[in-house]
Amino acid sequence: MNVLLEKYRKKAVEEGIEKGIEKGLAQGIQQGLEQGLERGLEQGENRLALLVGHLLNAGRMDDLKRVSYDEAYREKLLKEFGL
């Protein structure tokens, strides 16, 4: 009887470990995605802020207005300024 109980206990422990590993991996992946998204947003904001600064310094107010709504033009100007 003790051998049978030990067998079930061992199996339960192994299953618990497997579930714990799966849960840990899922949490790690989620945290990694969240951190990556946060870093990507920060980089995008920084690029846009630099572009706005370049356009202000150059007195290009019409371009500054246009980049607020025209994504293709914004990308063109980001390339123009090497951002």
PDB file of N, CA and C in Angstrom:
ATOM      1  N   MET A   1       0.815  -1.194   0.000  1.00  0.00           N
ATOM      2  CA  MET A   1       0.000   0.000   0.000  1.00  0.00           C
ATOM      3  C   MET A   1       0.860   1.259   0.000  1.00  0.00           C
ATOM      4  N   ASN A   2       1.924   1.293   0.804  1.00  0.00           N
ATOM      5  CA  ASN A   2       2.806   2.454   0.850  1.00  0.00           C
ATOM      6  C   ASN A   2       3.490   2.705  -0.494  1.00  0.00           C
ATOM      7  N   VAL A   3       3.800   1.619  -1.209  1.00  0.00           N
ATOM      8  CA  VAL A   3       4.443   1.753  -2.521  1.00  0.00           C
ATOM      9  C   VAL A   3       3.483   2.449  -3.482  1.00  0.00           C
ATOM     10  N   LEU A   4       2.225   2.085  -3.434  1.00  0.00           N
ATOM     11  CA  LEU A   4       1.215   2.678  -4.299  1.00  0.00           C
ATOM     12  C   LEU A   4       1.020   4.160  -3.965  1.00  0.00           C
ATOM     13  N   LEU A   5       0.951   4.484  -2.670  1.00  0.00           N
ATOM     14  CA  LEU A   5       0.812   5.882  -2.252  1.00  0.00           C
ATOM     15  C   LEU A   5       2.025   6.700  -2.687  1.00  0.00           C
ATOM     16  N   GLU A   6       3.199   6.140  -2.545  1.00  0.00           N
ATOM     17  CA  GLU A   6       4.428   6.845  -2.940  1.00  0.00           C
ATOM     18  C   GLU A   6       4.431   7.097  -4.448  1.00  0.00           C
ATOM     19  N   LYS A   7       3.939   6.134  -5.221  1.00  0.00           N
ATOM     20  CA  LYS A   7       3.876   6.273  -6.676  1.00  0.00           C
ATOM     21  C   LYS A   7       2.956   7.441  -7.049  1.00  0.00           C
ATOM     22  N   TYR A   8       1.770   7.532  -6.417  1.00  0.00           N
ATOM     23  CA  TYR A   8       0.830   8.615  -6.701  1.00  0.00           C
ATOM     24  C   TYR A   8       1.369   9.967  -6.233  1.00  0.00           C
ATOM     25  N   ARG A   9       2.051   9.967  -5.088  1.00  0.00           N
ATOM     26  CA  ARG A   9       2.634  11.210  -4.575  1.00  0.00           C
ATOM     27  C   ARG A   9       3.689  11.725  -5.536  1.00  0.00           C
ATOM     28  N   LYS A  10       4.538  10.812  -6.007  1.00  0.00           N
ATOM     29  CA  LYS A  10       5.603  11.200  -6.928  1.00  0.00           C
ATOM     30  C   LYS A  10       5.014  11.755  -8.226  1.00  0.00           C
ATOM     31  N   LYS A  11       3.965  11.095  -8.731  1.00  0.00           N
ATOM     32  CA  LYS A  11       3.316  11.560  -9.954  1.00  0.00           C
ATOM     33  C   LYS A  11       2.695  12.946  -9.745  1.00  0.00           C
ATOM     34  N   ALA A  12       2.067  13.149  -8.594  1.00  0.00           N
ATOM     35  CA  ALA A  12       1.457  14.443  -8.290  1.00  0.00           C
ATOM     36  C   ALA A  12       2.513  15.541  -8.210  1.00  0.00           C
ATOM     37  N   VAL A  13       3.645  15.231  -7.608  1.00  0.00           N
ATOM     38  CA  VAL A  13       4.734  16.204  -7.510  1.00  0.00           C
ATOM     39  C   VAL A  13       5.247  16.557  -8.907  1.00  0.00           C
ATOM     40  N   GLU A  14       5.453  15.546  -9.744  1.00  0.00           N
ATOM     41  CA  GLU A  14       5.935  15.784 -11.106  1.00  0.00           C
ATOM     42  C   GLU A  14       4.954  16.650 -11.898  1.00  0.00           C
ATOM     43  N   GLU A  15       3.667  16.364 -11.766  1.00  0.00           N
ATOM     44  CA  GLU A  15       2.653  17.158 -12.465  1.00  0.00           C
ATOM     45  C   GLU A  15       2.638  18.597 -11.942  1.00  0.00           C
ATOM     46  N   GLY A  16       2.797  18.737 -10.636  1.00  0.00           N
ATOM     47  CA  GLY A  16       2.849  20.073 -10.043  1.00  0.00           C
ATOM     48  C   GLY A  16       4.038  20.872 -10.561  1.00  0.00           C
ATOM     49  N   ILE A  17       5.165  20.208 -10.672  1.00  0.00           N
ATOM     50  CA  ILE A  17       6.363  20.876 -11.193  1.00  0.00           C
ATOM     51  C   ILE A  17       6.144  21.299 -12.638  1.00  0.00           C
ATOM     52  N   GLU A  18       5.577  20.396 -13.444  1.00  0.00           N
ATOM     53  CA  GLU A  18       5.313  20.711 -14.849  1.00  0.00           C
ATOM     54  C   GLU A  18       4.376  21.913 -14.979  1.00  0.00           C
ATOM     55  N   LYS A  19       3.305  21.905 -14.193  1.00  0.00           N
ATOM     56  CA  LYS A  19       2.358  23.020 -14.246  1.00  0.00           C
ATOM     57  C   LYS A  19       3.024  24.312 -13.780  1.00  0.00           C
ATOM     58  N   GLY A  20       3.859  24.219 -12.775  1.00  0.00           N
ATOM     59  CA  GLY A  20       4.573  25.397 -12.286  1.00  0.00           C
ATOM     60  C   GLY A  20       5.511  25.974 -13.344  1.00  0.00           C
ATOM     61  N   ILE A  21       6.205  25.092 -14.044  1.00  0.00           N
ATOM     62  CA  ILE A  21       7.105  25.536 -15.111  1.00  0.00           C
ATOM     63  C   ILE A  21       6.307  26.201 -16.229  1.00  0.00           C
ATOM     64  N   GLU A  22       5.197  25.573 -16.627  1.00  0.00           N
ATOM     65  CA  GLU A  22       4.352  26.154 -17.680  1.00  0.00           C
ATOM     66  C   GLU A  22       3.845  27.535 -17.282  1.00  0.00           C
ATOM     67  N   LYS A  23       3.390  27.657 -16.045  1.00  0.00           N
ATOM     68  CA  LYS A  23       2.870  28.940 -15.576  1.00  0.00           C
ATOM     69  C   LYS A  23       3.990  29.988 -15.533  1.00  0.00           C
ATOM     70  N   GLY A  24       5.160  29.581 -15.056  1.00  0.00           N
ATOM     71  CA  GLY A  24       6.296  30.503 -15.001  1.00  0.00           C
ATOM     72  C   GLY A  24       6.718  30.977 -16.376  1.00  0.00           C
ATOM     73  N   LEU A  25       6.742  30.059 -17.333  1.00  0.00           N
ATOM     74  CA  LEU A  25       7.092  30.440 -18.706  1.00  0.00           C
ATOM     75  C   LEU A  25       6.065  31.407 -19.284  1.00  0.00           C
ATOM     76  N   ALA A  26       4.799  31.120 -19.061  1.00  0.00           N
ATOM     77  CA  ALA A  26       3.744  31.993 -19.578  1.00  0.00           C
ATOM     78  C   ALA A  26       3.866  33.394 -18.979  1.00  0.00           C
ATOM     79  N   GLN A  27       4.128  33.475 -17.689  1.00  0.00           N
ATOM     80  CA  GLN A  27       4.287  34.779 -17.041  1.00  0.00           C
ATOM     81  C   GLN A  27       5.522  35.492 -17.569  1.00  0.00           C
ATOM     82  N   GLY A  28       6.605  34.752 -17.767  1.00  0.00           N
ATOM     83  CA  GLY A  28       7.835  35.352 -18.290  1.00  0.00           C
ATOM     84  C   GLY A  28       7.650  35.895 -19.691  1.00  0.00           C
ATOM     85  N   ILE A  29       6.948  35.141 -20.519  1.00  0.00           N
ATOM     86  CA  ILE A  29       6.681  35.595 -21.880  1.00  0.00           C
ATOM     87  C   ILE A  29       5.826  36.856 -21.851  1.00  0.00           C
ATOM     88  N   GLN A  30       4.790  36.856 -21.027  1.00  0.00           N
ATOM     89  CA  GLN A  30       3.908  38.021 -20.925  1.00  0.00           C
ATOM     90  C   GLN A  30       4.682  39.251 -20.473  1.00  0.00           C
ATOM     91  N   GLN A  31       5.528  39.095 -19.458  1.00  0.00           N
ATOM     92  CA  GLN A  31       6.313  40.229 -18.960  1.00  0.00           C
ATOM     93  C   GLN A  31       7.277  40.724 -20.027  1.00  0.00           C
ATOM     94  N   GLY A  32       7.877  39.791 -20.771  1.00  0.00           N
ATOM     95  CA  GLY A  32       8.789  40.172 -21.838  1.00  0.00           C
ATOM     96  C   GLY A  32       8.084  40.965 -22.928  1.00  0.00           C
ATOM     97  N   LEU A  33       6.879  40.533 -23.290  1.00  0.00           N
ATOM     98  CA  LEU A  33       6.104  41.248 -24.293  1.00  0.00           C
ATOM     99  C   LEU A  33       5.736  42.649 -23.813  1.00  0.00           C
ATOM    100  N   GLU A  34       5.318  42.739 -22.562  1.00  0.00           N
ATOM    101  CA  GLU A  34       4.950  44.044 -22.008  1.00  0.00           C
ATOM    102  C   GLU A  34       6.143  44.983 -21.980  1.00  0.00           C
ATOM    103  N   GLN A  35       7.296  44.477 -21.563  1.00  0.00           N
ATOM    104  CA  GLN A  35       8.497  45.316 -21.521  1.00  0.00           C
ATOM    105  C   GLN A  35       8.922  45.729 -22.920  1.00  0.00           C
ATOM    106  N   GLY A  36       8.830  44.797 -23.878  1.00  0.00           N
ATOM    107  CA  GLY A  36       9.186  45.118 -25.256  1.00  0.00           C
ATOM    108  C   GLY A  36       8.268  46.173 -25.842  1.00  0.00           C
ATOM    109  N   LEU A  37       6.989  46.051 -25.576  1.00  0.00           N
ATOM    110  CA  LEU A  37       6.025  47.034 -26.049  1.00  0.00           C
ATOM    111  C   LEU A  37       6.307  48.403 -25.437  1.00  0.00           C
ATOM    112  N   GLU A  38       6.581  48.409 -24.146  1.00  0.00           N
ATOM    113  CA  GLU A  38       6.876  49.670 -23.462  1.00  0.00           C
ATOM    114  C   GLU A  38       8.118  50.333 -24.048  1.00  0.00           C
ATOM    115  N   ARG A  39       9.174  49.541 -24.273  1.00  0.00           N
ATOM    116  CA  ARG A  39      10.400  50.101 -24.864  1.00  0.00           C
ATOM    117  C   ARG A  39      10.152  50.613 -26.276  1.00  0.00           C
ATOM    118  N   GLY A  40       9.356  49.873 -27.046  1.00  0.00           N
ATOM    119  CA  GLY A  40       9.045  50.301 -28.408  1.00  0.00           C
ATOM    120  C   GLY A  40       8.284  51.616 -28.428  1.00  0.00           C
ATOM    121  N   LEU A  41       7.324  51.756 -27.531  1.00  0.00           N
ATOM    122  CA  LEU A  41       6.575  53.007 -27.445  1.00  0.00           C
ATOM    123  C   LEU A  41       7.479  54.173 -27.051  1.00  0.00           C
ATOM    124  N   GLU A  42       8.369  53.938 -26.109  1.00  0.00           N
ATOM    125  CA  GLU A  42       9.310  54.981 -25.696  1.00  0.00           C
ATOM    126  C   GLU A  42      10.191  55.412 -26.859  1.00  0.00           C
ATOM    127  N   GLN A  43      10.699  54.444 -27.609  1.00  0.00           N
ATOM    128  CA  GLN A  43      11.548  54.767 -28.752  1.00  0.00           C
ATOM    129  C   GLN A  43      10.787  55.563 -29.804  1.00  0.00           C
ATOM    130  N   GLY A  44       9.542  55.166 -30.050  1.00  0.00           N
ATOM    131  CA  GLY A  44       8.715  55.894 -31.009  1.00  0.00           C
ATOM    132  C   GLY A  44       8.448  57.325 -30.561  1.00  0.00           C
ATOM    133  N   GLU A  45       8.155  57.488 -29.290  1.00  0.00           N
ATOM    134  CA  GLU A  45       7.924  58.833 -28.748  1.00  0.00           C
ATOM    135  C   GLU A  45       9.185  59.680 -28.858  1.00  0.00           C
ATOM    136  N   ASN A  46      10.324  59.077 -28.565  1.00  0.00           N
ATOM    137  CA  ASN A  46      11.584  59.813 -28.640  1.00  0.00           C
ATOM    138  C   ASN A  46      11.899  60.236 -30.071  1.00  0.00           C
ATOM    139  N   ARG A  47      11.658  59.336 -31.031  1.00  0.00           N
ATOM    140  CA  ARG A  47      11.885  59.688 -32.441  1.00  0.00           C
ATOM    141  C   ARG A  47      10.990  60.845 -32.855  1.00  0.00           C
ATOM    142  N   LEU A  48       9.720  60.785 -32.460  1.00  0.00           N
ATOM    143  CA  LEU A  48       8.794  61.852 -32.825  1.00  0.00           C
ATOM    144  C   LEU A  48       9.200  63.172 -32.171  1.00  0.00           C
ATOM    145  N   ALA A  49       9.617  63.119 -30.920  1.00  0.00           N
ATOM    146  CA  ALA A  49      10.046  64.337 -30.228  1.00  0.00           C
ATOM    147  C   ALA A  49      11.265  64.944 -30.922  1.00  0.00           C
ATOM    148  N   LEU A  50      12.201  64.093 -31.333  1.00  0.00           N
ATOM    149  CA  LEU A  50      13.379  64.604 -32.051  1.00  0.00           C
ATOM    150  C   LEU A  50      12.976  65.231 -33.381  1.00  0.00           C
ATOM    151  N   LEU A  51      12.054  64.589 -34.095  1.00  0.00           N
ATOM    152  CA  LEU A  51      11.589  65.140 -35.362  1.00  0.00           C
ATOM    153  C   LEU A  51      10.927  66.492 -35.146  1.00  0.00           C
ATOM    154  N   VAL A  52      10.076  66.594 -34.137  1.00  0.00           N
ATOM    155  CA  VAL A  52       9.417  67.865 -33.828  1.00  0.00           C
ATOM    156  C   VAL A  52      10.465  68.935 -33.539  1.00  0.00           C
ATOM    157  N   GLY A  53      11.478  68.595 -32.779  1.00  0.00           N
ATOM    158  CA  GLY A  53      12.536  69.552 -32.473  1.00  0.00           C
ATOM    159  C   GLY A  53      13.268  70.017 -33.726  1.00  0.00           C
ATOM    160  N   HIS A  54      13.602  69.095 -34.615  1.00  0.00           N
ATOM    161  CA  HIS A  54      14.282  69.458 -35.868  1.00  0.00           C
ATOM    162  C   HIS A  54      13.407  70.386 -36.711  1.00  0.00           C
ATOM    163  N   LEU A  55      12.130  70.051 -36.810  1.00  0.00           N
ATOM    164  CA  LEU A  55      11.230  70.870 -37.612  1.00  0.00           C
ATOM    165  C   LEU A  55      11.046  72.260 -37.006  1.00  0.00           C
ATOM    166  N   LEU A  56      10.943  72.347 -35.695  1.00  0.00           N
ATOM    167  CA  LEU A  56      10.837  73.649 -35.031  1.00  0.00           C
ATOM    168  C   LEU A  56      12.089  74.486 -35.268  1.00  0.00           C
ATOM    169  N   ASN A  57      13.240  73.852 -35.087  1.00  0.00           N
ATOM    170  CA  ASN A  57      14.507  74.573 -35.292  1.00  0.00           C
ATOM    171  C   ASN A  57      14.665  75.068 -36.725  1.00  0.00           C
ATOM    172  N   ALA A  58      14.117  74.317 -37.665  1.00  0.00           N
ATOM    173  CA  ALA A  58      14.214  74.694 -39.078  1.00  0.00           C
ATOM    174  C   ALA A  58      13.080  75.633 -39.490  1.00  0.00           C
ATOM    175  N   GLY A  59      12.161  75.923 -38.585  1.00  0.00           N
ATOM    176  CA  GLY A  59      11.047  76.814 -38.896  1.00  0.00           C
ATOM    177  C   GLY A  59      10.054  76.199 -39.875  1.00  0.00           C
ATOM    178  N   ARG A  60       9.978  74.901 -39.911  1.00  0.00           N
ATOM    179  CA  ARG A  60       9.114  74.198 -40.865  1.00  0.00           C
ATOM    180  C   ARG A  60       7.764  73.881 -40.227  1.00  0.00           C
ATOM    181  N   MET A  61       6.986  74.914 -39.969  1.00  0.00           N
ATOM    182  CA  MET A  61       5.719  74.774 -39.265  1.00  0.00           C
ATOM    183  C   MET A  61       4.685  73.980 -40.075  1.00  0.00           C
ATOM    184  N   ASP A  62       4.649  74.195 -41.390  1.00  0.00           N
ATOM    185  CA  ASP A  62       3.690  73.437 -42.200  1.00  0.00           C
ATOM    186  C   ASP A  62       4.007  71.942 -42.139  1.00  0.00           C
ATOM    187  N   ASP A  63       5.298  71.605 -42.202  1.00  0.00           N
ATOM    188  CA  ASP A  63       5.694  70.201 -42.086  1.00  0.00           C
ATOM    189  C   ASP A  63       5.341  69.652 -40.708  1.00  0.00           C
ATOM    190  N   LEU A  64       5.530  70.469 -39.690  1.00  0.00           N
ATOM    191  CA  LEU A  64       5.205  70.056 -38.326  1.00  0.00           C
ATOM    192  C   LEU A  64       3.723  69.711 -38.204  1.00  0.00           C
ATOM    193  N   LYS A  65       2.870  70.531 -38.797  1.00  0.00           N
ATOM    194  CA  LYS A  65       1.437  70.245 -38.776  1.00  0.00           C
ATOM    195  C   LYS A  65       1.127  68.955 -39.529  1.00  0.00           C
ATOM    196  N   ARG A  66       1.758  68.796 -40.678  1.00  0.00           N
ATOM    197  CA  ARG A  66       1.437  67.649 -41.534  1.00  0.00           C
ATOM    198  C   ARG A  66       1.841  66.316 -40.901  1.00  0.00           C
ATOM    199  N   VAL A  67       2.975  66.293 -40.188  1.00  0.00           N
ATOM    200  CA  VAL A  67       3.407  65.021 -39.583  1.00  0.00           C
ATOM    201  C   VAL A  67       2.452  64.558 -38.490  1.00  0.00           C
ATOM    202  N   SER A  68       1.610  65.446 -37.994  1.00  0.00           N
ATOM    203  CA  SER A  68       0.672  65.054 -36.942  1.00  0.00           C
ATOM    204  C   SER A  68      -0.455  64.171 -37.470  1.00  0.00           C
ATOM    205  N   TYR A  69      -0.683  64.188 -38.791  1.00  0.00           N
ATOM    206  CA  TYR A  69      -1.772  63.378 -39.337  1.00  0.00           C
ATOM    207  C   TYR A  69      -1.376  62.521 -40.542  1.00  0.00           C
ATOM    208  N   ASP A  70      -0.244  62.812 -41.176  1.00  0.00           N
ATOM    209  CA  ASP A  70       0.162  62.096 -42.388  1.00  0.00           C
ATOM    210  C   ASP A  70       1.320  61.150 -42.069  1.00  0.00           C
ATOM    211  N   GLU A  71       0.991  59.884 -41.853  1.00  0.00           N
ATOM    212  CA  GLU A  71       1.998  58.907 -41.426  1.00  0.00           C
ATOM    213  C   GLU A  71       3.097  58.714 -42.470  1.00  0.00           C
ATOM    214  N   ALA A  72       2.734  58.650 -43.725  1.00  0.00           N
ATOM    215  CA  ALA A  72       3.734  58.455 -44.785  1.00  0.00           C
ATOM    216  C   ALA A  72       4.699  59.638 -44.833  1.00  0.00           C
ATOM    217  N   TYR A  73       4.176  60.837 -44.705  1.00  0.00           N
ATOM    218  CA  TYR A  73       5.035  62.035 -44.720  1.00  0.00           C
ATOM    219  C   TYR A  73       5.926  62.067 -43.485  1.00  0.00           C
ATOM    220  N   ARG A  74       5.356  61.647 -42.349  1.00  0.00           N
ATOM    221  CA  ARG A  74       6.133  61.581 -41.103  1.00  0.00           C
ATOM    222  C   ARG A  74       7.318  60.634 -41.277  1.00  0.00           C
ATOM    223  N   GLU A  75       7.084  59.471 -41.878  1.00  0.00           N
ATOM    224  CA  GLU A  75       8.172  58.512 -42.113  1.00  0.00           C
ATOM    225  C   GLU A  75       9.220  59.097 -43.047  1.00  0.00           C
ATOM    226  N   LYS A  76       8.760  59.829 -44.067  1.00  0.00           N
ATOM    227  CA  LYS A  76       9.684  60.467 -45.010  1.00  0.00           C
ATOM    228  C   LYS A  76      10.602  61.448 -44.275  1.00  0.00           C
ATOM    229  N   LEU A  77      10.012  62.250 -43.397  1.00  0.00           N
ATOM    230  CA  LEU A  77      10.811  63.234 -42.670  1.00  0.00           C
ATOM    231  C   LEU A  77      11.721  62.578 -41.628  1.00  0.00           C
ATOM    232  N   LEU A  78      11.263  61.491 -41.019  1.00  0.00           N
ATOM    233  CA  LEU A  78      12.127  60.759 -40.082  1.00  0.00           C
ATOM    234  C   LEU A  78      13.379  60.281 -40.815  1.00  0.00           C
ATOM    235  N   LYS A  79      13.210  59.791 -42.036  1.00  0.00           N
ATOM    236  CA  LYS A  79      14.356  59.360 -42.836  1.00  0.00           C
ATOM    237  C   LYS A  79      15.224  60.544 -43.234  1.00  0.00           C
ATOM    238  N   GLU A  80      14.571  61.633 -43.611  1.00  0.00           N
ATOM    239  CA  GLU A  80      15.303  62.837 -43.997  1.00  0.00           C
ATOM    240  C   GLU A  80      16.247  63.306 -42.888  1.00  0.00           C
ATOM    241  N   PHE A  81      15.784  63.246 -41.660  1.00  0.00           N
ATOM    242  CA  PHE A  81      16.592  63.681 -40.532  1.00  0.00           C
ATOM    243  C   PHE A  81      17.402  62.555 -39.900  1.00  0.00           C
ATOM    244  N   GLY A  82      17.361  61.387 -40.510  1.00  0.00           N
ATOM    245  CA  GLY A  82      18.151  60.257 -40.003  1.00  0.00           C
ATOM    246  C   GLY A  82      17.663  59.724 -38.673  1.00  0.00           C
ATOM    247  N   LEU A  83      16.375  59.777 -38.464  1.00  0.00           N
ATOM    248  CA  LEU A  83      15.799  59.312 -37.212  1.00  0.00           C
ATOM    249  C   LEU A  83      15.092  57.998 -37.431  1.00  0.00           C
TER     250      LEU A  83
END
